[in-house]
Amino acid sequence: MAKVKDKRREKISVATEIDRLEDRRARCQDNLDRAEYRSRKEKLSEKERQELDDEMAIMSERVEKLDKELQMLRGENRRNMLLSVALLAVSTLFYYVFIYSEE
């Protein structure tokens, strides 16, 4: 099953993957904010508070993991953009050399 997901992700653009991860991160952050609000406002038993703290720790780890993955994808997106600009510059140079040098 992991291989199927990897093959599907290979066909997705970097920008689409960034958008998807940003959405997931926003949802995790919203859940974390709700849990923090609940821990401050509600009177919870010691067991409930511990469970909520554990849940908040898990959500914080997920947010950090998504941040790292987003940082990696943004770096890849930057490299792709630089490659595109370089190819455009080389194409423009060849166009100028071969078209305008004949005149």
C-alpha atoms as a PDB file:
ATOM      1  CA  MET A   1       0.000   0.000   0.000  1.00  0.00           C
ATOM      2  CA  ALA A   2       2.869   2.377   0.718  1.00  0.00           C
ATOM      3  CA  LYS A   3       4.170   1.869  -2.809  1.00  0.00           C
ATOM      4  CA  VAL A   4       0.794   2.838  -4.287  1.00  0.00           C
ATOM      5  CA  LYS A   5       0.810   6.096  -2.310  1.00  0.00           C
ATOM      6  CA  ASP A   6       4.386   6.815  -3.410  1.00  0.00           C
ATOM      7  CA  LYS A   7       3.463   6.260  -7.055  1.00  0.00           C
ATOM      8  CA  ARG A   8       0.460   8.560  -6.690  1.00  0.00           C
ATOM      9  CA  ARG A   9       2.601  11.231  -5.064  1.00  0.00           C
ATOM     10  CA  GLU A  10       5.165  11.000  -7.865  1.00  0.00           C
ATOM     11  CA  LYS A  11       2.492  12.245 -10.272  1.00  0.00           C
ATOM     12  CA  ILE A  12       1.537  15.204  -8.063  1.00  0.00           C
ATOM     13  CA  SER A  13       3.315  18.500  -8.569  1.00  0.00           C
ATOM     14  CA  VAL A  14       5.402  19.999  -5.802  1.00  0.00           C
ATOM     15  CA  ALA A  15       3.078  23.002  -5.539  1.00  0.00           C
ATOM     16  CA  THR A  16       0.039  20.725  -5.116  1.00  0.00           C
ATOM     17  CA  GLU A  17       1.836  18.732  -2.436  1.00  0.00           C
ATOM     18  CA  ILE A  18       2.767  21.976  -0.634  1.00  0.00           C
ATOM     19  CA  ASP A  19      -0.873  23.103  -0.687  1.00  0.00           C
ATOM     20  CA  ARG A  20      -2.030  19.735   0.636  1.00  0.00           C
ATOM     21  CA  LEU A  21       0.491  19.776   3.476  1.00  0.00           C
ATOM     22  CA  GLU A  22      -0.340  23.375   4.372  1.00  0.00           C
ATOM     23  CA  ASP A  23      -4.001  22.397   4.674  1.00  0.00           C
ATOM     24  CA  ARG A  24      -3.125  19.430   6.893  1.00  0.00           C
ATOM     25  CA  ARG A  25      -0.884  21.644   9.023  1.00  0.00           C
ATOM     26  CA  ALA A  26      -3.634  24.237   9.414  1.00  0.00           C
ATOM     27  CA  ARG A  27      -6.094  21.561  10.554  1.00  0.00           C
ATOM     28  CA  CYS A  28      -3.568  20.166  13.059  1.00  0.00           C
ATOM     29  CA  GLN A  29      -2.846  23.667  14.346  1.00  0.00           C
ATOM     30  CA  ASP A  30      -6.579  24.353  14.750  1.00  0.00           C
ATOM     31  CA  ASN A  31      -7.009  21.115  16.696  1.00  0.00           C
ATOM     32  CA  LEU A  32      -4.039  22.014  18.873  1.00  0.00           C
ATOM     33  CA  ASP A  33      -5.469  25.480  19.546  1.00  0.00           C
ATOM     34  CA  ARG A  34      -8.838  23.978  20.480  1.00  0.00           C
ATOM     35  CA  ALA A  35      -7.177  21.527  22.851  1.00  0.00           C
ATOM     36  CA  GLU A  36      -5.161  24.324  24.481  1.00  0.00           C
ATOM     37  CA  TYR A  37      -8.299  26.420  24.881  1.00  0.00           C
ATOM     38  CA  ARG A  38     -10.107  23.458  26.411  1.00  0.00           C
ATOM     39  CA  SER A  39      -7.262  22.817  28.856  1.00  0.00           C
ATOM     40  CA  ARG A  40      -7.383  26.438  30.025  1.00  0.00           C
ATOM     41  CA  LYS A  41     -11.147  26.964  30.221  1.00  0.00           C
ATOM     42  CA  GLU A  42     -12.617  23.656  31.337  1.00  0.00           C
ATOM     43  CA  LYS A  43     -12.258  22.051  34.702  1.00  0.00           C
ATOM     44  CA  LEU A  44     -10.751  18.660  33.963  1.00  0.00           C
ATOM     45  CA  SER A  45      -9.864  15.769  36.169  1.00  0.00           C
ATOM     46  CA  GLU A  46      -6.206  14.812  36.454  1.00  0.00           C
ATOM     47  CA  LYS A  47      -6.725  11.872  34.090  1.00  0.00           C
ATOM     48  CA  GLU A  48      -8.540  13.997  31.485  1.00  0.00           C
ATOM     49  CA  ARG A  49      -5.866  16.676  31.728  1.00  0.00           C
ATOM     50  CA  GLN A  50      -3.125  14.070  31.210  1.00  0.00           C
ATOM     51  CA  GLU A  51      -4.938  12.645  28.181  1.00  0.00           C
ATOM     52  CA  LEU A  52      -5.364  16.133  26.771  1.00  0.00           C
ATOM     53  CA  ASP A  53      -1.679  16.898  27.350  1.00  0.00           C
ATOM     54  CA  ASP A  54      -0.722  13.672  25.572  1.00  0.00           C
ATOM     55  CA  GLU A  55      -2.995  14.569  22.661  1.00  0.00           C
ATOM     56  CA  MET A  56      -1.491  18.058  22.510  1.00  0.00           C
ATOM     57  CA  ALA A  57       2.026  16.587  22.468  1.00  0.00           C
ATOM     58  CA  ILE A  58       1.101  14.306  19.570  1.00  0.00           C
ATOM     59  CA  MET A  59      -0.432  17.189  17.631  1.00  0.00           C
ATOM     60  CA  SER A  60       2.629  19.346  18.285  1.00  0.00           C
ATOM     61  CA  GLU A  61       4.860  16.596  16.910  1.00  0.00           C
ATOM     62  CA  ARG A  62       2.666  16.334  13.816  1.00  0.00           C
ATOM     63  CA  VAL A  63       2.842  20.091  13.260  1.00  0.00           C
ATOM     64  CA  GLU A  64       6.648  20.007  13.584  1.00  0.00           C
ATOM     65  CA  LYS A  65       6.872  17.063  11.175  1.00  0.00           C
ATOM     66  CA  LEU A  66       4.666  18.855   8.654  1.00  0.00           C
ATOM     67  CA  ASP A  67       6.772  22.015   9.028  1.00  0.00           C
ATOM     68  CA  LYS A  68       9.931  20.054   8.216  1.00  0.00           C
ATOM     69  CA  GLU A  69       8.292  18.406   5.222  1.00  0.00           C
ATOM     70  CA  LEU A  70       6.997  21.768   3.994  1.00  0.00           C
ATOM     71  CA  GLN A  71      10.460  23.271   4.338  1.00  0.00           C
ATOM     72  CA  MET A  72      11.902  20.422   2.245  1.00  0.00           C
ATOM     73  CA  LEU A  73       9.228  20.786  -0.435  1.00  0.00           C
ATOM     74  CA  ARG A  74       9.655  24.553  -0.596  1.00  0.00           C
ATOM     75  CA  GLY A  75      13.382  24.037  -1.137  1.00  0.00           C
ATOM     76  CA  GLU A  76      12.626  21.587  -3.952  1.00  0.00           C
ATOM     77  CA  ASN A  77      10.159  24.080  -5.428  1.00  0.00           C
ATOM     78  CA  ARG A  78      12.836  26.787  -5.296  1.00  0.00           C
ATOM     79  CA  ARG A  79      15.316  24.522  -7.123  1.00  0.00           C
ATOM     80  CA  ASN A  80      12.715  23.717  -9.780  1.00  0.00           C
ATOM     81  CA  MET A  81      12.022  27.417 -10.291  1.00  0.00           C
ATOM     82  CA  LEU A  82      15.736  28.205 -10.645  1.00  0.00           C
ATOM     83  CA  LEU A  83      16.117  25.384 -13.166  1.00  0.00           C
ATOM     84  CA  SER A  84      13.182  26.761 -15.168  1.00  0.00           C
ATOM     85  CA  VAL A  85      14.670  30.263 -15.174  1.00  0.00           C
ATOM     86  CA  ALA A  86      18.062  28.873 -16.217  1.00  0.00           C
ATOM     87  CA  LEU A  87      16.467  26.928 -19.090  1.00  0.00           C
ATOM     88  CA  LEU A  88      14.600  30.045 -20.186  1.00  0.00           C
ATOM     89  CA  ALA A  89      17.835  32.069 -20.137  1.00  0.00           C
ATOM     90  CA  VAL A  90      19.702  29.428 -22.170  1.00  0.00           C
ATOM     91  CA  SER A  91      16.840  29.195 -24.652  1.00  0.00           C
ATOM     92  CA  THR A  92      16.790  32.969 -25.025  1.00  0.00           C
ATOM     93  CA  LEU A  93      20.551  33.017 -25.529  1.00  0.00           C
ATOM     94  CA  PHE A  94      20.371  30.323 -28.248  1.00  0.00           C
ATOM     95  CA  TYR A  95      17.485  32.133 -29.906  1.00  0.00           C
ATOM     96  CA  TYR A  96      19.453  35.382 -29.932  1.00  0.00           C
ATOM     97  CA  VAL A  97      22.656  33.731 -31.187  1.00  0.00           C
ATOM     98  CA  PHE A  98      21.074  31.694 -33.991  1.00  0.00           C
ATOM     99  CA  ILE A  99      18.333  34.087 -35.148  1.00  0.00           C
ATOM    100  CA  TYR A 100      19.996  37.490 -34.821  1.00  0.00           C
ATOM    101  CA  SER A 101      23.525  36.416 -35.720  1.00  0.00           C
ATOM    102  CA  GLU A 102      22.381  35.482 -39.250  1.00  0.00           C
ATOM    103  CA  GLU A 103      21.486  39.089 -40.002  1.00  0.00           C
END
